[in-house]
N, C-alpha and C. Protein backbone atom coordinates (compact mmCIF):
# COMPACT_ATOMS: atom_id res chain seq x y z
N MET A 1 -0.42 101.49 43.97
CA MET A 1 -0.23 102.63 44.65
C MET A 1 1.35 102.64 45.17
N ARG A 2 1.84 101.36 45.70
CA ARG A 2 2.69 101.20 46.68
C ARG A 2 4.36 101.33 45.75
N PHE A 3 4.32 100.79 44.30
CA PHE A 3 5.37 101.21 43.86
C PHE A 3 5.16 102.06 42.78
N GLY A 4 4.48 102.27 42.34
CA GLY A 4 3.77 104.12 41.49
C GLY A 4 3.98 103.57 40.20
N GLY A 5 4.21 104.67 39.32
CA GLY A 5 4.49 104.35 37.99
C GLY A 5 2.72 103.71 37.37
N ASP A 6 2.49 103.53 36.08
CA ASP A 6 1.95 102.83 35.00
C ASP A 6 2.23 101.47 35.24
N TRP A 7 1.31 100.71 34.83
CA TRP A 7 1.43 99.11 35.12
C TRP A 7 0.20 98.30 33.88
N SER A 8 0.19 97.27 33.47
CA SER A 8 -0.85 96.49 33.47
C SER A 8 -0.76 94.84 33.49
N VAL A 9 -1.82 94.02 33.23
CA VAL A 9 -1.38 92.71 33.74
C VAL A 9 -2.52 92.14 33.38
N ASN A 10 -2.42 90.53 32.72
CA ASN A 10 -3.38 89.81 32.27
C ASN A 10 -3.87 88.67 33.45
N LYS A 11 -4.71 88.59 34.11
CA LYS A 11 -5.17 87.67 34.89
C LYS A 11 -6.31 86.79 35.18
N ASP A 12 -6.37 86.00 34.83
CA ASP A 12 -7.70 85.08 34.86
C ASP A 12 -8.62 85.59 34.40
N SER A 13 -8.28 86.04 32.63
CA SER A 13 -8.81 86.22 31.99
C SER A 13 -9.85 87.63 31.98
N LYS A 14 -8.94 88.53 33.01
CA LYS A 14 -9.50 89.95 33.31
C LYS A 14 -7.87 90.62 32.65
N LYS A 15 -7.91 91.66 32.32
CA LYS A 15 -7.09 92.79 31.89
C LYS A 15 -7.06 93.73 32.91
N LEU A 16 -5.71 94.04 33.90
CA LEU A 16 -5.86 95.39 34.37
C LEU A 16 -5.18 96.17 34.25
N MET A 17 -5.18 97.58 34.44
CA MET A 17 -4.61 98.70 33.81
C MET A 17 -4.67 99.44 35.26
N SER A 18 -3.33 100.21 35.64
CA SER A 18 -2.89 101.28 36.09
C SER A 18 -2.83 102.80 35.81
N VAL A 19 -3.50 103.74 36.27
CA VAL A 19 -2.66 104.76 35.27
C VAL A 19 -2.62 106.06 36.31
N LYS A 20 -1.54 106.76 36.46
CA LYS A 20 -1.51 107.59 37.20
C LYS A 20 -0.86 108.86 36.99
N GLU A 21 -1.70 110.05 37.47
CA GLU A 21 -1.64 111.32 37.20
C GLU A 21 -1.06 112.21 38.21
N LYS A 22 0.15 113.18 38.27
CA LYS A 22 0.19 113.59 39.24
C LYS A 22 0.22 115.27 39.11
N ILE A 23 -0.13 115.68 39.88
CA ILE A 23 0.08 117.48 40.29
C ILE A 23 0.50 117.88 41.60
N THR A 24 1.19 119.18 41.14
CA THR A 24 2.21 119.10 42.27
C THR A 24 1.57 120.50 42.67
N GLU A 25 1.15 120.86 43.86
CA GLU A 25 0.99 122.20 44.36
C GLU A 25 2.09 122.83 45.16
N TYR A 26 2.17 123.97 45.17
CA TYR A 26 3.42 124.56 45.60
C TYR A 26 3.28 125.80 46.36
N ASN A 27 3.17 126.40 47.07
CA ASN A 27 3.33 127.89 47.76
C ASN A 27 4.23 128.34 47.71
N ARG A 28 4.90 129.41 46.73
CA ARG A 28 6.13 129.74 46.71
C ARG A 28 6.42 130.93 47.48
N GLU A 29 5.30 131.65 48.49
CA GLU A 29 6.02 132.25 49.65
C GLU A 29 6.06 131.46 50.67
N LYS A 30 5.31 130.43 51.20
CA LYS A 30 5.69 129.54 51.98
C LYS A 30 7.18 128.71 51.79
N LYS A 31 7.57 128.31 50.20
CA LYS A 31 8.13 127.60 49.86
C LYS A 31 8.02 126.12 50.33
N ILE A 32 6.55 125.61 50.20
CA ILE A 32 6.62 124.16 50.64
C ILE A 32 5.19 123.72 49.73
N GLY A 33 5.70 122.59 49.37
CA GLY A 33 4.35 122.22 48.51
C GLY A 33 4.09 120.65 48.43
N TYR A 34 2.98 120.38 47.96
CA TYR A 34 3.13 118.33 48.05
C TYR A 34 2.70 118.15 46.25
N THR A 35 2.86 116.85 46.06
CA THR A 35 2.55 116.30 44.75
C THR A 35 1.07 115.44 45.21
N LEU A 36 0.23 115.52 44.34
CA LEU A 36 -1.08 114.41 44.72
C LEU A 36 -0.78 113.99 43.49
N GLU A 37 -1.48 112.53 43.89
CA GLU A 37 -1.10 111.59 42.96
C GLU A 37 -2.90 110.64 42.64
N THR A 38 -3.15 111.15 41.48
CA THR A 38 -4.67 110.27 41.15
C THR A 38 -4.32 108.91 40.12
N ILE A 39 -4.89 108.19 40.83
CA ILE A 39 -4.15 106.88 40.34
C ILE A 39 -5.97 106.07 39.85
N TYR A 40 -5.94 105.59 38.48
CA TYR A 40 -6.92 105.20 38.25
C TYR A 40 -6.58 103.41 37.49
N LEU A 41 -7.91 102.49 38.17
CA LEU A 41 -7.40 101.48 37.84
C LEU A 41 -8.72 100.83 37.28
N PHE A 42 -8.26 100.06 35.90
CA PHE A 42 -9.28 99.84 35.04
C PHE A 42 -9.20 98.32 34.80
N CYS A 43 -10.84 97.86 35.37
CA CYS A 43 -10.93 96.01 34.94
C CYS A 43 -11.22 96.19 33.42
N ASN A 44 -10.23 95.36 32.64
CA ASN A 44 -10.83 95.52 31.21
C ASN A 44 -11.01 96.35 30.31
N PRO A 45 -9.82 97.62 30.46
CA PRO A 45 -9.68 99.01 29.82
C PRO A 45 -9.81 98.51 28.44
N VAL A 46 -10.21 99.63 27.26
CA VAL A 46 -11.07 100.01 26.35
C VAL A 46 -10.19 101.06 25.64
N LEU A 47 -9.58 101.30 24.75
CA LEU A 47 -9.07 102.46 24.50
C LEU A 47 -10.26 102.71 23.37
N LEU A 48 -11.16 103.34 23.28
CA LEU A 48 -12.20 104.27 22.23
C LEU A 48 -11.57 105.40 21.82
N LYS A 49 -10.72 106.68 21.87
CA LYS A 49 -10.30 107.24 21.10
C LYS A 49 -8.72 107.54 21.34
N GLU A 50 -8.12 107.82 20.50
CA GLU A 50 -6.71 108.69 20.03
C GLU A 50 -6.92 109.78 19.53
N GLU A 51 -5.96 111.21 19.91
CA GLU A 51 -5.74 112.35 19.28
C GLU A 51 -4.70 112.98 19.71
N GLY A 52 -3.86 113.07 18.22
CA GLY A 52 -2.79 113.65 18.28
C GLY A 52 -1.86 112.85 17.94
N LYS A 53 -0.21 113.42 17.79
CA LYS A 53 0.63 112.68 18.19
C LYS A 53 1.72 113.21 18.70
N VAL A 54 2.42 112.56 19.60
CA VAL A 54 3.89 112.59 20.52
C VAL A 54 4.95 112.11 20.30
N TYR A 55 6.13 112.14 20.03
CA TYR A 55 7.46 111.50 19.91
C TYR A 55 7.70 111.83 21.25
N ARG A 56 8.11 110.32 21.98
CA ARG A 56 8.69 110.89 23.17
C ARG A 56 9.18 109.43 23.60
N MET A 57 10.78 109.42 24.16
CA MET A 57 11.73 108.05 24.47
C MET A 57 10.75 107.81 25.74
N GLU A 58 10.76 106.25 25.70
CA GLU A 58 10.20 105.29 26.43
C GLU A 58 11.25 104.17 26.56
N LYS A 59 11.06 103.75 28.37
CA LYS A 59 11.97 102.48 28.40
C LYS A 59 10.65 101.33 28.96
N CYS A 60 10.91 100.54 28.26
CA CYS A 60 9.45 99.10 28.54
C CYS A 60 10.05 98.50 29.62
N GLY A 61 9.89 98.11 30.70
CA GLY A 61 10.46 97.10 31.74
C GLY A 61 11.14 96.11 31.03
N ASN A 62 10.46 95.38 30.09
CA ASN A 62 11.51 94.10 29.39
C ASN A 62 12.50 94.23 28.52
N LYS A 63 12.80 95.66 28.54
CA LYS A 63 13.55 96.06 27.44
C LYS A 63 15.37 96.49 28.39
N ASN A 64 15.86 96.61 27.89
CA ASN A 64 17.46 97.31 28.30
C ASN A 64 17.78 98.82 28.50
N GLU A 65 16.74 99.57 27.18
CA GLU A 65 17.05 100.93 27.20
C GLU A 65 16.17 101.32 26.61
N ARG A 66 16.32 102.80 26.24
CA ARG A 66 14.79 103.31 25.90
C ARG A 66 14.95 103.48 24.26
N GLU A 67 14.04 103.93 23.86
CA GLU A 67 13.29 103.69 22.13
C GLU A 67 12.36 104.71 21.90
N LEU A 68 12.83 105.75 20.64
CA LEU A 68 11.87 106.88 20.67
C LEU A 68 10.36 106.19 19.60
N VAL A 69 9.58 106.48 20.07
CA VAL A 69 7.99 105.72 20.33
C VAL A 69 6.88 107.05 19.50
N GLU A 70 5.82 106.80 19.37
CA GLU A 70 5.25 107.68 18.81
C GLU A 70 3.67 107.46 19.60
N ARG A 71 3.07 108.35 20.40
CA ARG A 71 2.25 108.04 21.39
C ARG A 71 1.05 109.22 21.10
N PRO A 72 -0.05 108.87 21.27
CA PRO A 72 -1.20 109.74 21.04
C PRO A 72 -0.92 110.89 22.05
N HIS A 73 -1.46 112.29 21.91
CA HIS A 73 -1.52 113.31 23.10
C HIS A 73 -2.74 113.03 24.11
N SER A 74 -3.84 112.79 23.41
CA SER A 74 -5.09 112.47 24.16
C SER A 74 -5.64 111.29 24.00
N VAL A 75 -6.26 110.59 24.82
CA VAL A 75 -7.26 109.41 24.80
C VAL A 75 -8.27 109.49 25.48
N VAL A 76 -9.17 108.74 24.78
CA VAL A 76 -10.10 108.32 25.87
C VAL A 76 -10.44 106.87 26.10
N VAL A 77 -10.57 106.26 27.41
CA VAL A 77 -10.07 105.07 27.92
C VAL A 77 -11.75 104.62 28.37
N ASP A 78 -12.01 103.36 28.61
CA ASP A 78 -13.14 103.14 29.34
C ASP A 78 -12.91 101.72 30.01
N GLY A 79 -13.60 101.51 30.98
CA GLY A 79 -13.60 99.94 31.14
C GLY A 79 -14.72 99.23 31.96
N ASP A 80 -14.27 98.26 32.50
CA ASP A 80 -15.68 97.15 33.12
C ASP A 80 -16.07 97.82 34.63
N TYR A 81 -15.18 98.44 34.88
CA TYR A 81 -15.08 98.54 36.60
C TYR A 81 -13.69 99.57 36.45
N ILE A 82 -13.81 100.88 36.86
CA ILE A 82 -13.09 101.75 37.38
C ILE A 82 -13.05 102.13 38.98
N LEU A 83 -11.63 102.07 39.53
CA LEU A 83 -11.34 102.97 40.61
C LEU A 83 -10.44 104.00 40.48
N LYS A 84 -10.75 104.63 41.63
CA LYS A 84 -10.22 105.99 41.03
C LYS A 84 -9.55 106.27 42.72
N ALA A 85 -8.16 106.57 43.26
CA ALA A 85 -7.71 106.55 44.13
C ALA A 85 -6.60 108.26 44.54
N VAL A 86 -6.78 109.11 45.16
CA VAL A 86 -5.74 110.06 45.41
C VAL A 86 -5.57 110.10 46.34
N LEU A 87 -4.13 110.13 46.24
CA LEU A 87 -3.21 110.02 47.37
C LEU A 87 -2.50 111.53 47.81
N ASN A 88 -2.85 111.72 48.79
CA ASN A 88 -2.18 112.71 49.35
C ASN A 88 -1.11 112.97 50.57
N PRO A 89 0.04 113.26 50.03
CA PRO A 89 0.80 113.01 50.99
C PRO A 89 1.01 114.16 51.92
N LYS A 90 0.17 114.76 51.78
CA LYS A 90 0.57 115.95 52.70
C LYS A 90 -0.67 115.77 53.95
N ASP A 91 -1.55 115.18 53.39
CA ASP A 91 -2.85 114.70 54.76
C ASP A 91 -2.72 113.78 54.85
N MET A 92 -1.98 112.40 54.47
CA MET A 92 -1.25 111.22 54.69
C MET A 92 -2.68 110.71 54.63
N LYS A 93 -3.67 111.09 53.39
CA LYS A 93 -4.97 110.33 53.19
C LYS A 93 -4.67 109.50 51.99
N ILE A 94 -5.75 108.40 51.60
CA ILE A 94 -5.88 107.83 50.18
C ILE A 94 -7.45 107.81 50.06
N ALA A 95 -8.18 108.90 48.86
CA ALA A 95 -9.36 109.03 49.04
C ALA A 95 -9.93 108.10 47.92
N ILE A 96 -10.35 106.75 47.97
CA ILE A 96 -10.85 105.56 47.23
C ILE A 96 -12.65 105.92 46.67
N GLN A 97 -12.69 105.66 45.39
CA GLN A 97 -13.90 105.45 44.59
C GLN A 97 -14.11 104.94 43.69
N GLN A 98 -15.24 104.52 43.65
CA GLN A 98 -15.42 103.56 41.53
C GLN A 98 -16.29 104.87 41.40
N ILE A 99 -16.00 105.07 40.34
CA ILE A 99 -16.30 105.89 39.10
C ILE A 99 -16.67 105.47 37.78
N LYS A 100 -17.76 106.13 37.18
CA LYS A 100 -17.91 105.21 35.80
C LYS A 100 -16.98 106.77 34.51
N GLY A 101 -16.88 105.54 33.36
CA GLY A 101 -16.36 105.83 32.44
C GLY A 101 -17.43 106.58 30.77
N PRO A 102 -16.68 106.41 30.00
CA PRO A 102 -15.27 106.77 29.71
C PRO A 102 -14.57 108.12 30.20
N LEU A 103 -13.05 107.91 30.79
CA LEU A 103 -12.38 109.12 30.71
C LEU A 103 -11.29 109.20 29.91
N THR A 104 -11.10 110.95 29.86
CA THR A 104 -10.27 111.53 28.65
C THR A 104 -8.72 111.95 29.60
N PHE A 105 -8.02 111.47 28.92
CA PHE A 105 -6.78 111.67 29.72
C PHE A 105 -5.76 112.30 28.53
N SER A 106 -4.97 113.11 28.84
CA SER A 106 -4.06 114.20 27.79
C SER A 106 -2.80 114.36 28.72
N GLY A 107 -1.76 113.94 27.78
CA GLY A 107 -0.24 114.28 28.26
C GLY A 107 0.23 112.78 28.74
N SER A 108 0.77 112.97 29.89
CA SER A 108 1.71 111.61 30.70
C SER A 108 0.45 110.35 30.78
N ALA A 109 -0.69 110.69 31.42
CA ALA A 109 -1.51 109.72 31.46
C ALA A 109 -1.58 109.01 30.12
N ALA A 110 -2.11 109.75 29.08
CA ALA A 110 -2.24 109.67 28.01
C ALA A 110 -1.48 108.26 27.34
N TYR A 111 0.02 108.99 27.65
CA TYR A 111 1.17 108.03 26.90
C TYR A 111 1.01 106.75 27.80
N GLY A 112 0.64 106.93 28.81
CA GLY A 112 0.81 105.45 29.73
C GLY A 112 -0.19 104.69 29.56
N SER A 113 -1.38 105.30 29.28
CA SER A 113 -2.79 104.39 29.04
C SER A 113 -2.44 103.80 27.53
N SER A 114 -1.70 104.58 26.69
CA SER A 114 -1.60 103.66 25.30
C SER A 114 -0.59 102.67 25.17
N HIS A 115 0.70 102.78 26.14
CA HIS A 115 1.31 102.09 26.53
C HIS A 115 1.34 100.90 27.06
N GLU A 116 0.11 101.00 27.85
CA GLU A 116 -0.35 99.63 28.93
C GLU A 116 -1.33 99.17 28.04
N ILE A 117 -2.40 99.83 27.43
CA ILE A 117 -3.15 99.13 26.45
C ILE A 117 -2.50 98.10 25.46
N GLU A 118 -0.91 98.78 24.86
CA GLU A 118 -0.46 97.65 24.18
C GLU A 118 -0.22 96.30 24.68
N HIS A 119 0.48 96.63 25.79
CA HIS A 119 0.72 95.32 26.65
C HIS A 119 -0.47 94.18 26.68
N LEU A 120 -1.09 95.13 27.44
CA LEU A 120 -2.45 94.28 27.03
C LEU A 120 -3.20 93.49 26.15
N ASN A 121 -2.65 94.31 24.87
CA ASN A 121 -3.27 93.60 23.86
C ASN A 121 -2.46 92.79 23.01
N SER A 122 -1.22 92.12 23.73
CA SER A 122 0.24 91.26 23.51
C SER A 122 0.85 91.92 22.88
N GLU A 123 0.54 93.15 22.09
CA GLU A 123 1.41 94.03 21.15
C GLU A 123 2.52 94.51 21.60
N ASP A 124 3.20 94.14 20.76
CA ASP A 124 5.18 94.43 20.76
C ASP A 124 5.39 95.77 21.03
N ILE A 125 6.09 96.61 21.97
CA ILE A 125 6.09 97.86 21.68
C ILE A 125 7.63 98.37 21.17
N GLU A 126 7.27 98.49 19.68
CA GLU A 126 8.53 99.03 18.74
C GLU A 126 8.62 100.13 18.84
N GLY A 127 9.86 100.53 18.93
CA GLY A 127 10.18 102.32 18.57
C GLY A 127 11.84 102.12 18.04
N ILE A 128 12.24 103.50 17.96
CA ILE A 128 13.60 103.38 17.21
C ILE A 128 14.74 103.26 18.33
N PRO A 129 15.59 102.60 18.35
CA PRO A 129 16.43 102.73 19.53
C PRO A 129 17.43 103.71 19.46
N PHE A 130 17.52 104.20 20.63
CA PHE A 130 18.34 104.92 21.32
C PHE A 130 19.52 104.95 20.43
N TRP A 131 20.26 103.95 20.04
CA TRP A 131 21.58 104.18 19.39
C TRP A 131 21.43 104.12 18.06
N ASP A 132 20.03 104.53 17.11
CA ASP A 132 20.22 105.16 16.22
C ASP A 132 19.92 106.49 15.80
N PHE A 133 20.07 107.32 16.92
CA PHE A 133 20.62 108.51 16.87
C PHE A 133 21.40 109.46 16.47
N GLU A 134 21.77 110.45 15.47
CA GLU A 134 22.94 110.91 15.13
C GLU A 134 22.87 111.97 16.76
N TYR A 135 24.49 111.76 16.55
CA TYR A 135 25.09 112.48 18.11
C TYR A 135 25.66 114.03 17.66
N VAL A 136 25.37 114.81 17.78
CA VAL A 136 25.82 116.12 17.00
C VAL A 136 26.52 117.00 18.34
N LEU A 137 28.21 117.00 18.32
CA LEU A 137 28.68 118.26 18.85
C LEU A 137 28.59 119.37 18.74
N GLU A 138 28.33 120.14 19.55
CA GLU A 138 28.32 121.73 19.34
C GLU A 138 29.01 122.21 20.18
């Protein structure tokens, strides 16, 4: 929660993964809002199902530039132990609870889950380099 974003780590024969979902609530009349963050922490996550394809640009922490990768649109993930933390900046509260899986993610949280599980499985994240794109001046 401190640094934000999705992350993963192998530590003492445990695999840990964090995935974040963000939802912005905005009152158009009052012109004020806040972004609610829901962070899931998995111990020994397992990717049970993937569905769909999304082509997207990603930059992995150990690479210098973004690459074009293929990710699932939705995933089903389970783990030995799952914590859910809801960070509400408006109320300045963080609600934490242990939950049971499996959980279904779509969109950004699905891409993040797929990416982090690749890291946990010691797979290199390979994509098409940014420089391989065709640049078209219009």
